[in-house]
Amino acid sequence: IFDLKTSSVEEIVENIKNRRIANRRKFHENYIKAEKLIESGKFEEAQKLTREDVIVYYHVYAEAEKKEKAGKLEEAAELYWTNISTNGTDAPANFTRLMVILKKLGRLSEASKISEIYDKYFYRKMT
């Protein structure tokens, strides 16, 4: 996991971009494998493979949301940050919830950095 306090915005944005590329590649590979499994009659294995979440890592987001609702803000923040920095998810909700939590915790410089990462990542993605 990138350290939010010491890593530069550019390093983090580049990491997210690279993770997204790797995630899309894995998603594509899984579908090719699934097609071969279907051709050989292994339908359950194919279905399991296509259900693997390699794009948005929703299960991590859902766990973070539970922690947040239970008032475990530090744990929730760590999960949202893991989803962004390690899993490479670009789902806006992870960024938004992390910024809200960091503000509640009084960690304004980190919240500002998350905002900057989000802006730079999505600006780069759109250009």
C-alpha atoms as a PDB file:
ATOM      1  CA  ILE A   1       0.000   0.000   0.000  1.00  0.00           C
ATOM      2  CA  PHE A   2       1.277   3.437  -0.872  1.00  0.00           C
ATOM      3  CA  ASP A   3       1.732   5.693   2.129  1.00  0.00           C
ATOM      4  CA  LEU A   4      -0.640   8.580   1.579  1.00  0.00           C
ATOM      5  CA  LYS A   5       1.509  10.916   3.650  1.00  0.00           C
ATOM      6  CA  THR A   6       4.836  10.251   1.908  1.00  0.00           C
ATOM      7  CA  SER A   7       3.954   9.164  -1.642  1.00  0.00           C
ATOM      8  CA  SER A   8       3.549  11.817  -4.289  1.00  0.00           C
ATOM      9  CA  VAL A   9       0.271  12.360  -6.078  1.00  0.00           C
ATOM     10  CA  GLU A  10       1.985  11.488  -9.368  1.00  0.00           C
ATOM     11  CA  GLU A  11       3.307   8.165  -7.994  1.00  0.00           C
ATOM     12  CA  ILE A  12      -0.106   7.205  -6.713  1.00  0.00           C
ATOM     13  CA  VAL A  13      -1.899   8.204  -9.927  1.00  0.00           C
ATOM     14  CA  GLU A  14       0.608   6.195 -11.980  1.00  0.00           C
ATOM     15  CA  ASN A  15       0.090   3.200  -9.700  1.00  0.00           C
ATOM     16  CA  ILE A  16      -3.692   3.396 -10.046  1.00  0.00           C
ATOM     17  CA  LYS A  17      -3.348   3.627 -13.818  1.00  0.00           C
ATOM     18  CA  ASN A  18      -1.067   0.572 -13.918  1.00  0.00           C
ATOM     19  CA  ARG A  19      -3.342  -1.433 -11.617  1.00  0.00           C
ATOM     20  CA  ARG A  20      -6.335  -0.592 -13.819  1.00  0.00           C
ATOM     21  CA  ILE A  21      -4.455  -1.843 -16.888  1.00  0.00           C
ATOM     22  CA  ALA A  22      -3.534  -5.064 -15.065  1.00  0.00           C
ATOM     23  CA  ASN A  23      -7.126  -5.475 -13.840  1.00  0.00           C
ATOM     24  CA  ARG A  24      -8.558  -5.073 -17.342  1.00  0.00           C
ATOM     25  CA  ARG A  25      -6.010  -7.582 -18.660  1.00  0.00           C
ATOM     26  CA  LYS A  26      -6.992 -10.075 -15.938  1.00  0.00           C
ATOM     27  CA  PHE A  27     -10.686  -9.510 -16.707  1.00  0.00           C
ATOM     28  CA  HIS A  28     -10.059 -10.216 -20.400  1.00  0.00           C
ATOM     29  CA  GLU A  29      -7.953 -13.302 -19.611  1.00  0.00           C
ATOM     30  CA  ASN A  30     -10.688 -14.647 -17.347  1.00  0.00           C
ATOM     31  CA  TYR A  31     -13.254 -14.351 -20.119  1.00  0.00           C
ATOM     32  CA  ILE A  32     -11.013 -16.136 -22.606  1.00  0.00           C
ATOM     33  CA  LYS A  33     -10.477 -18.936 -20.057  1.00  0.00           C
ATOM     34  CA  ALA A  34     -14.223 -19.027 -19.392  1.00  0.00           C
ATOM     35  CA  GLU A  35     -14.980 -19.451 -23.096  1.00  0.00           C
ATOM     36  CA  LYS A  36     -12.635 -22.447 -23.224  1.00  0.00           C
ATOM     37  CA  LEU A  37     -14.228 -23.915 -20.107  1.00  0.00           C
ATOM     38  CA  ILE A  38     -17.684 -23.516 -21.640  1.00  0.00           C
ATOM     39  CA  GLU A  39     -16.520 -25.194 -24.840  1.00  0.00           C
ATOM     40  CA  SER A  40     -15.360 -28.170 -22.768  1.00  0.00           C
ATOM     41  CA  GLY A  41     -18.639 -28.303 -20.820  1.00  0.00           C
ATOM     42  CA  LYS A  42     -17.273 -26.944 -17.543  1.00  0.00           C
ATOM     43  CA  PHE A  43     -20.059 -24.437 -16.985  1.00  0.00           C
ATOM     44  CA  GLU A  44     -19.776 -24.016 -13.210  1.00  0.00           C
ATOM     45  CA  GLU A  45     -16.042 -23.321 -13.400  1.00  0.00           C
ATOM     46  CA  ALA A  46     -16.645 -20.799 -16.180  1.00  0.00           C
ATOM     47  CA  GLN A  47     -19.360 -19.066 -14.185  1.00  0.00           C
ATOM     48  CA  LYS A  48     -17.126 -18.840 -11.115  1.00  0.00           C
ATOM     49  CA  LEU A  49     -14.319 -17.348 -13.192  1.00  0.00           C
ATOM     50  CA  THR A  50     -16.548 -14.694 -14.768  1.00  0.00           C
ATOM     51  CA  ARG A  51     -17.889 -13.677 -11.365  1.00  0.00           C
ATOM     52  CA  GLU A  52     -14.398 -12.952 -10.029  1.00  0.00           C
ATOM     53  CA  ASP A  53     -14.283  -9.252  -9.246  1.00  0.00           C
ATOM     54  CA  VAL A  54     -11.041  -7.975 -10.736  1.00  0.00           C
ATOM     55  CA  ILE A  55     -12.355  -4.579 -11.789  1.00  0.00           C
ATOM     56  CA  VAL A  56     -14.099  -2.753  -8.935  1.00  0.00           C
ATOM     57  CA  TYR A  57     -13.415  -4.909  -5.876  1.00  0.00           C
ATOM     58  CA  TYR A  58     -16.906  -4.226  -4.574  1.00  0.00           C
ATOM     59  CA  HIS A  59     -16.473  -6.615  -1.638  1.00  0.00           C
ATOM     60  CA  VAL A  60     -13.727  -4.364  -0.204  1.00  0.00           C
ATOM     61  CA  TYR A  61     -15.929  -1.290  -0.643  1.00  0.00           C
ATOM     62  CA  ALA A  62     -18.841  -3.068   1.061  1.00  0.00           C
ATOM     63  CA  GLU A  63     -16.642  -4.020   4.023  1.00  0.00           C
ATOM     64  CA  ALA A  64     -15.360  -0.436   4.301  1.00  0.00           C
ATOM     65  CA  GLU A  65     -18.926   0.828   4.244  1.00  0.00           C
ATOM     66  CA  LYS A  66     -19.851  -1.539   7.102  1.00  0.00           C
ATOM     67  CA  LYS A  67     -16.886  -0.352   9.157  1.00  0.00           C
ATOM     68  CA  GLU A  68     -17.801   3.261   8.486  1.00  0.00           C
ATOM     69  CA  LYS A  69     -21.419   2.751   9.553  1.00  0.00           C
ATOM     70  CA  ALA A  70     -20.184   1.036  12.734  1.00  0.00           C
ATOM     71  CA  GLY A  71     -18.096   4.107  13.552  1.00  0.00           C
ATOM     72  CA  LYS A  72     -14.780   2.369  12.873  1.00  0.00           C
ATOM     73  CA  LEU A  73     -13.504   5.234  10.768  1.00  0.00           C
ATOM     74  CA  GLU A  74      -9.791   4.360  10.822  1.00  0.00           C
ATOM     75  CA  GLU A  75     -10.529   0.814   9.631  1.00  0.00           C
ATOM     76  CA  ALA A  76     -12.923   2.073   6.978  1.00  0.00           C
ATOM     77  CA  ALA A  77     -10.385   4.619   5.741  1.00  0.00           C
ATOM     78  CA  GLU A  78      -7.743   1.894   5.478  1.00  0.00           C
ATOM     79  CA  LEU A  79     -10.075  -0.292   3.397  1.00  0.00           C
ATOM     80  CA  TYR A  80     -11.081   2.535   1.048  1.00  0.00           C
ATOM     81  CA  TRP A  81      -7.396   3.449   0.643  1.00  0.00           C
ATOM     82  CA  THR A  82      -6.477  -0.205  -0.013  1.00  0.00           C
ATOM     83  CA  ASN A  83      -9.142  -0.358  -2.679  1.00  0.00           C
ATOM     84  CA  ILE A  84      -7.706   2.721  -4.368  1.00  0.00           C
ATOM     85  CA  SER A  85      -3.964   2.254  -3.955  1.00  0.00           C
ATOM     86  CA  THR A  86      -3.584  -1.536  -4.022  1.00  0.00           C
ATOM     87  CA  ASN A  87      -6.592  -2.768  -5.963  1.00  0.00           C
ATOM     88  CA  GLY A  88      -6.539   0.164  -8.360  1.00  0.00           C
ATOM     89  CA  THR A  89     -10.265   0.731  -8.242  1.00  0.00           C
ATOM     90  CA  ASP A  90     -11.374   3.979  -9.785  1.00  0.00           C
ATOM     91  CA  ALA A  91     -14.925   3.874  -8.450  1.00  0.00           C
ATOM     92  CA  PRO A  92     -15.681   7.454  -7.337  1.00  0.00           C
ATOM     93  CA  ALA A  93     -17.410   6.272  -4.156  1.00  0.00           C
ATOM     94  CA  ASN A  94     -14.112   4.994  -2.716  1.00  0.00           C
ATOM     95  CA  PHE A  95     -12.529   8.420  -3.174  1.00  0.00           C
ATOM     96  CA  THR A  96     -15.570  10.297  -1.883  1.00  0.00           C
ATOM     97  CA  ARG A  97     -16.040   8.175   1.231  1.00  0.00           C
ATOM     98  CA  LEU A  98     -12.321   8.301   2.017  1.00  0.00           C
ATOM     99  CA  MET A  99     -12.292  12.100   1.751  1.00  0.00           C
ATOM    100  CA  VAL A 100     -15.328  12.374   4.042  1.00  0.00           C
ATOM    101  CA  ILE A 101     -13.767  10.094   6.658  1.00  0.00           C
ATOM    102  CA  LEU A 102     -10.394  11.839   6.561  1.00  0.00           C
ATOM    103  CA  LYS A 103     -12.146  15.182   7.102  1.00  0.00           C
ATOM    104  CA  LYS A 104     -14.080  13.729  10.065  1.00  0.00           C
ATOM    105  CA  LEU A 105     -10.785  12.503  11.507  1.00  0.00           C
ATOM    106  CA  GLY A 106      -9.253  15.952  11.095  1.00  0.00           C
ATOM    107  CA  ARG A 107      -6.743  14.714   8.536  1.00  0.00           C
ATOM    108  CA  LEU A 108      -7.394  17.562   6.137  1.00  0.00           C
ATOM    109  CA  SER A 109      -4.091  17.451   4.255  1.00  0.00           C
ATOM    110  CA  GLU A 110      -4.682  13.779   3.436  1.00  0.00           C
ATOM    111  CA  ALA A 111      -8.269  14.498   2.352  1.00  0.00           C
ATOM    112  CA  SER A 112      -6.943  17.244   0.102  1.00  0.00           C
ATOM    113  CA  LYS A 113      -4.378  14.849  -1.368  1.00  0.00           C
ATOM    114  CA  ILE A 114      -7.098  12.278  -2.129  1.00  0.00           C
ATOM    115  CA  SER A 115      -9.053  15.006  -3.901  1.00  0.00           C
ATOM    116  CA  GLU A 116      -5.980  15.903  -5.949  1.00  0.00           C
ATOM    117  CA  ILE A 117      -5.333  12.229  -6.808  1.00  0.00           C
ATOM    118  CA  TYR A 118      -8.939  11.842  -7.912  1.00  0.00           C
ATOM    119  CA  ASP A 119      -8.827  15.000 -10.045  1.00  0.00           C
ATOM    120  CA  LYS A 120      -5.506  14.096 -11.685  1.00  0.00           C
ATOM    121  CA  TYR A 121      -6.456  10.478 -12.304  1.00  0.00           C
ATOM    122  CA  PHE A 122      -9.803  11.267 -13.857  1.00  0.00           C
ATOM    123  CA  TYR A 123      -8.466  14.247 -15.807  1.00  0.00           C
ATOM    124  CA  ARG A 124      -5.723  12.024 -17.240  1.00  0.00           C
ATOM    125  CA  LYS A 125      -8.243   9.291 -17.954  1.00  0.00           C
ATOM    126  CA  MET A 126     -10.438  11.696 -19.911  1.00  0.00           C
ATOM    127  CA  THR A 127      -7.625  13.128 -22.037  1.00  0.00           C
END
